[in-house]
Amino acid sequence: MINNTNNSNTFNSSPSQVELDFLAALLEPADATYPWNPADQESEAYFNELEQQFLSDDLWQEDELNKRSQDFSSQLDNLWSTHNVDTASKSHNLRQILMASLQEAFTVVPQGWLNTIAQNAAEIFSSQQSIGEQLVQCVQDMLPSWGADDLLVLARPYAYAMRSGEPQCPKAMITKLGNREWTSLSEVEQAKVSLAISYYALNELNSFQSES
């Protein structure tokens, strides 16, 4: 019988010494003496020895470590301070823009009233409260005689509009008042107008966030 096997296609070579050494290195534990159980008595001695080796390095003496840690802490403090300043500045600018927008849109409403709504809206805009609760919180400071539940009832149309995406027209509420003075409005009318303005303010904040 003729053997047609081509010896050049047959893999009979034995692993080289390099391959054997590489395999042995893979199978060897990374650190057979590492104390995996910190409760063992040998663990404290092991870690103390590592610490001494670390501190004995000329590049990492105790004074140098203290200095580096202080420098690192200072850098973190500076970064955190810068972040807080930037955040506060952005929040302040946002409130100023919102106040100007409300004053332009609702000229018949007292400026102090509008500023309070703008400030409250900016503070609670990113909160986890429901839309109805946000609307109520925007106006409750100016309407102390009103209970939150009563204001929630008046806020329902606007809360539903924000959830469903169906637009409301807060300025239409002002148009219905005609040329009447703010002080001549009833508490119910003032509450309704305030909630309408709060709805407008929260929508403005949504627009600002989309643009940024």
Protein backbone atom coordinates (compact mmCIF):
# COMPACT_ATOMS: atom_id res chain seq x y z
CA MET A 1 0.00 0.00 0.00
CA ILE A 2 1.32 3.41 -0.93
CA ASN A 3 1.40 5.98 1.85
CA ASN A 4 0.11 9.24 0.29
CA THR A 5 0.45 11.24 3.47
CA ASN A 6 2.46 14.40 2.95
CA ASN A 7 4.82 14.77 5.88
CA SER A 8 4.87 18.52 5.40
CA ASN A 9 1.14 18.69 6.28
CA THR A 10 1.44 16.59 9.43
CA PHE A 11 1.85 18.43 12.80
CA ASN A 12 4.09 16.17 14.91
CA SER A 13 6.44 18.78 16.35
CA SER A 14 6.88 18.81 20.11
CA PRO A 15 6.30 22.08 22.03
CA SER A 16 9.41 24.19 22.33
CA GLN A 17 10.97 25.16 25.63
CA VAL A 18 9.66 28.72 25.20
CA GLU A 19 6.12 27.42 24.86
CA LEU A 20 6.54 25.21 27.91
CA ASP A 21 7.86 28.13 29.96
CA PHE A 22 4.96 30.30 28.82
CA LEU A 23 2.44 27.61 29.78
CA ALA A 24 4.06 27.19 33.18
CA ALA A 25 3.85 30.95 33.75
CA LEU A 26 0.16 30.93 32.92
CA LEU A 27 -0.55 28.07 35.29
CA GLU A 28 1.51 29.50 38.11
CA PRO A 29 -0.56 31.38 40.77
CA ALA A 30 -0.21 35.15 40.56
CA ASP A 31 0.69 35.37 44.25
CA ALA A 32 0.52 32.15 46.19
CA THR A 33 1.23 33.94 49.48
CA TYR A 34 -1.44 36.60 49.18
CA PRO A 35 -3.66 36.53 52.29
CA TRP A 36 -7.10 36.30 50.75
CA ASN A 37 -8.67 36.12 54.20
CA PRO A 38 -7.92 39.40 56.08
CA ALA A 39 -8.93 37.70 59.34
CA ASP A 40 -5.89 35.39 59.23
CA GLN A 41 -3.10 36.25 61.66
CA GLU A 42 -0.56 36.24 58.83
CA SER A 43 -2.47 38.98 56.97
CA GLU A 44 -1.41 41.85 59.22
CA ALA A 45 2.26 40.90 58.96
CA TYR A 46 1.96 40.57 55.19
CA PHE A 47 0.45 44.02 54.74
CA ASN A 48 2.86 45.62 57.22
CA GLU A 49 5.75 44.24 55.18
CA LEU A 50 4.28 45.67 51.99
CA GLU A 51 3.80 49.04 53.66
CA GLN A 52 7.39 49.10 54.87
CA GLN A 53 8.64 48.22 51.40
CA PHE A 54 6.54 51.03 49.98
CA LEU A 55 7.76 53.60 52.51
CA SER A 56 11.38 52.52 52.15
CA ASP A 57 11.41 53.63 48.52
CA ASP A 58 13.44 56.83 48.26
CA LEU A 59 10.88 58.28 45.85
CA TRP A 60 8.00 57.80 48.27
CA GLN A 61 9.14 58.88 51.73
CA GLU A 62 6.49 59.81 54.27
CA ASP A 63 7.05 63.56 53.85
CA GLU A 64 6.73 63.22 50.10
CA LEU A 65 3.53 61.18 50.45
CA ASN A 66 2.01 63.79 52.77
CA LYS A 67 2.91 66.58 50.36
CA ARG A 68 1.51 64.74 47.36
CA SER A 69 -1.71 63.89 49.18
CA GLN A 70 -2.14 67.53 50.24
CA ASP A 71 -1.51 68.72 46.69
CA PHE A 72 -4.02 66.21 45.37
CA SER A 73 -6.63 67.29 47.93
CA SER A 74 -6.05 70.95 47.03
CA GLN A 75 -6.57 70.20 43.36
CA LEU A 76 -9.83 68.39 44.14
CA ASP A 77 -11.00 71.32 46.28
CA ASN A 78 -10.19 73.78 43.51
CA LEU A 79 -12.04 71.69 40.92
CA TRP A 80 -15.05 71.32 43.21
CA SER A 81 -15.09 75.06 43.99
CA THR A 82 -14.89 75.90 40.30
CA HIS A 83 -17.73 73.49 39.56
CA ASN A 84 -19.89 75.01 42.30
CA VAL A 85 -19.20 78.55 41.09
CA ASP A 86 -20.04 77.60 37.50
CA THR A 87 -23.23 75.85 38.59
CA ALA A 88 -24.31 78.79 40.76
CA SER A 89 -23.53 81.23 37.95
CA LYS A 90 -25.56 79.23 35.43
CA SER A 91 -28.46 78.96 37.86
CA HIS A 92 -28.38 82.69 38.53
CA ASN A 93 -28.28 83.52 34.83
CA LEU A 94 -31.15 81.14 34.16
CA ARG A 95 -33.30 82.82 36.80
CA GLN A 96 -32.49 86.26 35.40
CA ILE A 97 -33.43 85.20 31.87
CA LEU A 98 -36.64 83.60 33.10
CA MET A 99 -37.59 86.68 35.12
CA ALA A 100 -37.09 88.90 32.09
CA SER A 101 -39.19 86.55 29.97
CA LEU A 102 -42.07 86.55 32.47
CA GLN A 103 -41.97 90.33 32.90
CA GLU A 104 -42.19 90.78 29.14
CA ALA A 105 -45.06 88.30 28.72
CA PHE A 106 -47.17 89.27 31.74
CA THR A 107 -46.90 93.02 32.21
CA VAL A 108 -50.08 93.34 34.31
CA VAL A 109 -48.76 91.05 37.05
CA PRO A 110 -46.61 92.60 39.83
CA GLN A 111 -42.89 92.17 39.20
CA GLY A 112 -42.25 90.73 42.66
CA TRP A 113 -44.91 88.09 42.01
CA LEU A 114 -43.28 87.12 38.72
CA ASN A 115 -39.80 87.02 40.24
CA THR A 116 -40.96 84.65 42.99
CA ILE A 117 -42.53 82.32 40.43
CA ALA A 118 -39.36 82.41 38.33
CA GLN A 119 -37.13 81.65 41.32
CA ASN A 120 -39.32 78.82 42.57
CA ALA A 121 -39.63 77.33 39.09
CA ALA A 122 -35.84 77.37 38.60
CA GLU A 123 -35.27 75.70 41.97
CA ILE A 124 -37.77 72.85 41.55
CA PHE A 125 -37.47 72.36 37.78
CA SER A 126 -35.19 69.31 38.07
CA SER A 127 -36.87 67.84 41.13
CA GLN A 128 -38.59 64.46 41.26
CA GLN A 129 -41.95 66.02 42.07
CA SER A 130 -44.93 65.53 39.82
CA ILE A 131 -45.80 68.31 37.39
CA GLY A 132 -48.83 69.27 39.46
CA GLU A 133 -46.71 69.52 42.61
CA GLN A 134 -44.16 71.66 40.78
CA LEU A 135 -46.87 74.06 39.63
CA VAL A 136 -48.26 74.31 43.16
CA GLN A 137 -44.84 74.92 44.69
CA CYS A 138 -44.23 77.75 42.24
CA VAL A 139 -47.20 79.73 43.61
CA GLN A 140 -47.77 78.57 47.17
CA ASP A 141 -45.53 81.28 48.69
CA MET A 142 -47.82 83.98 47.28
CA LEU A 143 -51.04 82.16 48.19
CA PRO A 144 -50.58 81.15 51.85
CA SER A 145 -54.32 80.86 52.50
CA TRP A 146 -54.65 78.17 49.84
CA GLY A 147 -54.15 74.50 50.62
CA ALA A 148 -51.95 72.39 48.35
CA ASP A 149 -54.86 70.10 47.45
CA ASP A 150 -57.01 73.05 46.34
CA LEU A 151 -54.21 74.41 44.19
CA LEU A 152 -53.65 70.96 42.69
CA VAL A 153 -57.25 70.98 41.49
CA LEU A 154 -56.71 74.30 39.70
CA ALA A 155 -53.37 73.07 38.32
CA ARG A 156 -54.78 69.91 36.73
CA PRO A 157 -55.40 71.35 33.22
CA TYR A 158 -51.82 72.61 33.01
CA ALA A 159 -50.32 69.45 34.52
CA TYR A 160 -52.26 67.36 31.99
CA ALA A 161 -51.16 69.65 29.15
CA MET A 162 -47.48 69.24 30.09
CA ARG A 163 -47.79 65.45 30.36
CA SER A 164 -49.74 65.01 27.14
CA GLY A 165 -47.91 67.63 25.08
CA GLU A 166 -51.15 69.46 24.33
CA PRO A 167 -50.30 73.18 24.54
CA GLN A 168 -52.16 75.63 26.74
CA CYS A 169 -52.08 79.40 26.24
CA PRO A 170 -51.37 81.08 29.59
CA LYS A 171 -51.59 84.53 28.00
CA ALA A 172 -55.23 83.84 27.20
CA MET A 173 -55.91 83.86 30.94
CA ILE A 174 -54.49 87.39 31.15
CA THR A 175 -56.53 88.50 28.13
CA LYS A 176 -59.75 87.41 29.88
CA LEU A 177 -58.97 89.81 32.71
CA GLY A 178 -59.08 92.82 30.42
CA ASN A 179 -57.64 95.99 31.90
CA ARG A 180 -58.40 95.17 35.52
CA GLU A 181 -55.81 95.93 38.19
CA TRP A 182 -54.11 92.97 39.85
CA THR A 183 -55.32 93.99 43.29
CA SER A 184 -58.91 93.99 42.06
CA LEU A 185 -58.76 90.29 41.17
CA SER A 186 -60.28 87.70 43.47
CA GLU A 187 -58.05 85.12 45.17
CA VAL A 188 -59.35 82.46 42.79
CA GLU A 189 -58.46 84.60 39.77
CA GLN A 190 -55.00 85.36 41.17
CA ALA A 191 -54.43 81.67 41.82
CA LYS A 192 -55.48 80.70 38.30
CA VAL A 193 -53.28 83.37 36.72
CA SER A 194 -50.32 82.39 38.92
CA LEU A 195 -50.61 78.73 37.93
CA ALA A 196 -50.87 79.72 34.27
CA ILE A 197 -47.67 81.77 34.63
CA SER A 198 -45.97 78.85 36.40
CA TYR A 199 -46.93 76.60 33.51
CA TYR A 200 -45.40 79.15 31.14
CA ALA A 201 -42.23 79.35 33.28
CA LEU A 202 -41.69 75.58 33.37
CA ASN A 203 -42.16 75.40 29.61
CA GLU A 204 -39.58 78.18 29.20
CA LEU A 205 -37.13 76.20 31.33
CA ASN A 206 -37.75 73.16 29.14
CA SER A 207 -36.92 75.28 26.10
CA PHE A 208 -33.75 76.65 27.69
CA GLN A 209 -32.60 73.14 28.52
CA SER A 210 -33.24 71.94 24.97
CA GLU A 211 -31.18 74.79 23.54
CA SER A 212 -28.20 74.26 25.88
